Amino acid sequence: MFGDMMNMMGKLKETQQKIEATKQRLDSVLIDEKSNDNLLQVTITANRKIRSITIDESLLEDKEQLEDYLILVLNKAIEKATNVNEAELAAVAKEGMPNIPGMDLFK
């Protein structure tokens, strides 16, 4: 029984290391999102860090329109990045979880 517990603890530590490695890798996974008319483009990482914003000159003439574009495009990019992030981390966590009866956390 003690050996099983030590094995589980080792597996959990290994899983933690894999999760940290996955988080670091997600810093290099880029998500591009743009407005429907291509006037604004945003690139963020799967860890939701903004890498670049490209704004068409025509949007600089109308502050409110630019703000609306930024909100819409950034929110879409963040949603996509969040989905990628959560899927990747859940896969690593599920792979490394010990088989504990009654603990089906990731169905």
C-alpha atoms as a PDB file:
ATOM      1  CA  MET A   1       0.000   0.000   0.000  1.00  0.00           C
ATOM      2  CA  PHE A   2       2.817   2.395   0.889  1.00  0.00           C
ATOM      3  CA  GLY A   3       4.468   1.613  -2.444  1.00  0.00           C
ATOM      4  CA  ASP A   4       1.227   2.457  -4.263  1.00  0.00           C
ATOM      5  CA  MET A   5       1.066   5.788  -2.447  1.00  0.00           C
ATOM      6  CA  MET A   6       4.678   6.601  -3.339  1.00  0.00           C
ATOM      7  CA  ASN A   7       4.002   5.634  -6.951  1.00  0.00           C
ATOM      8  CA  MET A   8       0.958   7.928  -7.010  1.00  0.00           C
ATOM      9  CA  MET A   9       2.933  10.810  -5.513  1.00  0.00           C
ATOM     10  CA  GLY A  10       5.667  10.316  -8.098  1.00  0.00           C
ATOM     11  CA  LYS A  11       3.083  10.296 -10.888  1.00  0.00           C
ATOM     12  CA  LEU A  12       1.507  13.495  -9.555  1.00  0.00           C
ATOM     13  CA  LYS A  13       4.904  15.206  -9.436  1.00  0.00           C
ATOM     14  CA  GLU A  14       5.611  14.081 -12.995  1.00  0.00           C
ATOM     15  CA  THR A  15       2.216  15.435 -14.068  1.00  0.00           C
ATOM     16  CA  GLN A  16       2.973  18.792 -12.417  1.00  0.00           C
ATOM     17  CA  GLN A  17       6.208  18.979 -14.390  1.00  0.00           C
ATOM     18  CA  LYS A  18       4.374  18.147 -17.620  1.00  0.00           C
ATOM     19  CA  ILE A  19       1.786  20.836 -16.885  1.00  0.00           C
ATOM     20  CA  GLU A  20       4.528  23.422 -16.347  1.00  0.00           C
ATOM     21  CA  ALA A  21       6.238  22.358 -19.587  1.00  0.00           C
ATOM     22  CA  THR A  22       2.911  22.635 -21.415  1.00  0.00           C
ATOM     23  CA  LYS A  23       2.343  26.142 -20.020  1.00  0.00           C
ATOM     24  CA  GLN A  24       5.767  27.180 -21.308  1.00  0.00           C
ATOM     25  CA  ARG A  25       5.057  25.639 -24.712  1.00  0.00           C
ATOM     26  CA  LEU A  26       1.730  27.485 -24.906  1.00  0.00           C
ATOM     27  CA  ASP A  27       3.688  30.760 -24.813  1.00  0.00           C
ATOM     28  CA  SER A  28       4.839  29.908 -28.342  1.00  0.00           C
ATOM     29  CA  VAL A  29       1.411  28.866 -29.663  1.00  0.00           C
ATOM     30  CA  LEU A  30       0.047  31.921 -31.481  1.00  0.00           C
ATOM     31  CA  ILE A  31      -3.612  32.704 -32.082  1.00  0.00           C
ATOM     32  CA  ASP A  32      -4.413  35.187 -34.864  1.00  0.00           C
ATOM     33  CA  GLU A  33      -7.757  36.925 -34.898  1.00  0.00           C
ATOM     34  CA  LYS A  34      -8.963  39.691 -37.164  1.00  0.00           C
ATOM     35  CA  SER A  35     -12.033  41.767 -37.761  1.00  0.00           C
ATOM     36  CA  ASN A  36     -14.402  40.682 -40.539  1.00  0.00           C
ATOM     37  CA  ASP A  37     -13.146  43.479 -42.786  1.00  0.00           C
ATOM     38  CA  ASN A  38      -9.460  42.853 -41.916  1.00  0.00           C
ATOM     39  CA  LEU A  39      -8.998  46.379 -40.549  1.00  0.00           C
ATOM     40  CA  LEU A  40      -7.717  45.093 -37.202  1.00  0.00           C
ATOM     41  CA  GLN A  41      -5.622  42.027 -36.452  1.00  0.00           C
ATOM     42  CA  VAL A  42      -4.501  40.721 -33.078  1.00  0.00           C
ATOM     43  CA  THR A  43      -2.001  37.966 -32.286  1.00  0.00           C
ATOM     44  CA  ILE A  44      -1.942  36.484 -28.795  1.00  0.00           C
ATOM     45  CA  THR A  45      -0.387  33.390 -27.244  1.00  0.00           C
ATOM     46  CA  ALA A  46      -2.400  30.436 -25.985  1.00  0.00           C
ATOM     47  CA  ASN A  47      -1.495  31.774 -22.529  1.00  0.00           C
ATOM     48  CA  ARG A  48      -3.439  34.935 -23.453  1.00  0.00           C
ATOM     49  CA  LYS A  49      -0.525  37.344 -23.777  1.00  0.00           C
ATOM     50  CA  ILE A  50      -0.859  39.917 -26.548  1.00  0.00           C
ATOM     51  CA  ARG A  51       1.988  39.678 -29.050  1.00  0.00           C
ATOM     52  CA  SER A  52       0.866  42.165 -31.696  1.00  0.00           C
ATOM     53  CA  ILE A  53      -1.931  44.438 -32.821  1.00  0.00           C
ATOM     54  CA  THR A  54      -2.174  45.715 -36.385  1.00  0.00           C
ATOM     55  CA  ILE A  55      -4.549  48.615 -37.023  1.00  0.00           C
ATOM     56  CA  ASP A  56      -5.540  49.921 -40.426  1.00  0.00           C
ATOM     57  CA  GLU A  57      -5.027  53.672 -40.806  1.00  0.00           C
ATOM     58  CA  SER A  58      -8.748  54.231 -41.465  1.00  0.00           C
ATOM     59  CA  LEU A  59      -9.604  53.122 -37.923  1.00  0.00           C
ATOM     60  CA  LEU A  60      -7.422  55.849 -36.427  1.00  0.00           C
ATOM     61  CA  GLU A  61      -9.911  58.498 -37.504  1.00  0.00           C
ATOM     62  CA  ASP A  62     -12.713  57.299 -35.237  1.00  0.00           C
ATOM     63  CA  LYS A  63     -11.787  56.602 -31.603  1.00  0.00           C
ATOM     64  CA  GLU A  64     -15.093  54.917 -30.700  1.00  0.00           C
ATOM     65  CA  GLN A  65     -14.987  52.654 -33.734  1.00  0.00           C
ATOM     66  CA  LEU A  66     -11.398  51.645 -32.926  1.00  0.00           C
ATOM     67  CA  GLU A  67     -12.351  50.882 -29.332  1.00  0.00           C
ATOM     68  CA  ASP A  68     -15.261  48.718 -30.525  1.00  0.00           C
ATOM     69  CA  TYR A  69     -12.996  46.849 -32.934  1.00  0.00           C
ATOM     70  CA  LEU A  70     -10.413  46.245 -30.211  1.00  0.00           C
ATOM     71  CA  ILE A  71     -12.993  44.905 -27.774  1.00  0.00           C
ATOM     72  CA  LEU A  72     -14.570  42.555 -30.313  1.00  0.00           C
ATOM     73  CA  VAL A  73     -11.359  41.197 -31.809  1.00  0.00           C
ATOM     74  CA  LEU A  74      -9.517  40.874 -28.489  1.00  0.00           C
ATOM     75  CA  ASN A  75     -12.454  39.040 -26.911  1.00  0.00           C
ATOM     76  CA  LYS A  76     -12.606  36.579 -29.836  1.00  0.00           C
ATOM     77  CA  ALA A  77      -8.857  36.004 -29.636  1.00  0.00           C
ATOM     78  CA  ILE A  78      -8.948  35.508 -25.859  1.00  0.00           C
ATOM     79  CA  GLU A  79     -11.810  33.017 -26.187  1.00  0.00           C
ATOM     80  CA  LYS A  80      -9.900  30.972 -28.793  1.00  0.00           C
ATOM     81  CA  ALA A  81      -6.704  31.093 -26.728  1.00  0.00           C
ATOM     82  CA  THR A  82      -8.568  30.028 -23.601  1.00  0.00           C
ATOM     83  CA  ASN A  83     -10.068  27.042 -25.427  1.00  0.00           C
ATOM     84  CA  VAL A  84      -6.634  25.930 -26.672  1.00  0.00           C
ATOM     85  CA  ASN A  85      -5.068  26.494 -23.242  1.00  0.00           C
ATOM     86  CA  GLU A  86      -7.731  24.579 -21.331  1.00  0.00           C
ATOM     87  CA  ALA A  87      -7.782  21.679 -23.798  1.00  0.00           C
ATOM     88  CA  GLU A  88      -3.998  21.267 -23.702  1.00  0.00           C
ATOM     89  CA  LEU A  89      -3.747  21.462 -19.912  1.00  0.00           C
ATOM     90  CA  ALA A  90      -6.725  19.145 -19.385  1.00  0.00           C
ATOM     91  CA  ALA A  91      -5.166  16.555 -21.701  1.00  0.00           C
ATOM     92  CA  VAL A  92      -1.899  16.612 -19.743  1.00  0.00           C
ATOM     93  CA  ALA A  93      -3.688  16.492 -16.399  1.00  0.00           C
ATOM     94  CA  LYS A  94      -5.937  13.624 -17.466  1.00  0.00           C
ATOM     95  CA  GLU A  95      -2.986  11.652 -18.836  1.00  0.00           C
ATOM     96  CA  GLY A  96      -1.089  11.969 -15.565  1.00  0.00           C
ATOM     97  CA  MET A  97      -3.837  11.404 -13.065  1.00  0.00           C
ATOM     98  CA  PRO A  98      -3.547   8.181 -11.097  1.00  0.00           C
ATOM     99  CA  ASN A  99      -6.486   5.809 -11.385  1.00  0.00           C
ATOM    100  CA  ILE A 100      -8.351   6.436  -8.143  1.00  0.00           C
ATOM    101  CA  PRO A 101     -11.733   4.712  -7.984  1.00  0.00           C
ATOM    102  CA  GLY A 102     -14.592   7.199  -7.866  1.00  0.00           C
ATOM    103  CA  MET A 103     -12.396  10.104  -9.001  1.00  0.00           C
ATOM    104  CA  ASP A 104     -13.445  10.412 -12.647  1.00  0.00           C
ATOM    105  CA  LEU A 105     -12.727  14.137 -12.801  1.00  0.00           C
ATOM    106  CA  PHE A 106     -12.100  14.387 -16.537  1.00  0.00           C
ATOM    107  CA  LYS A 107     -14.907  12.647 -18.388  1.00  0.00           C
END
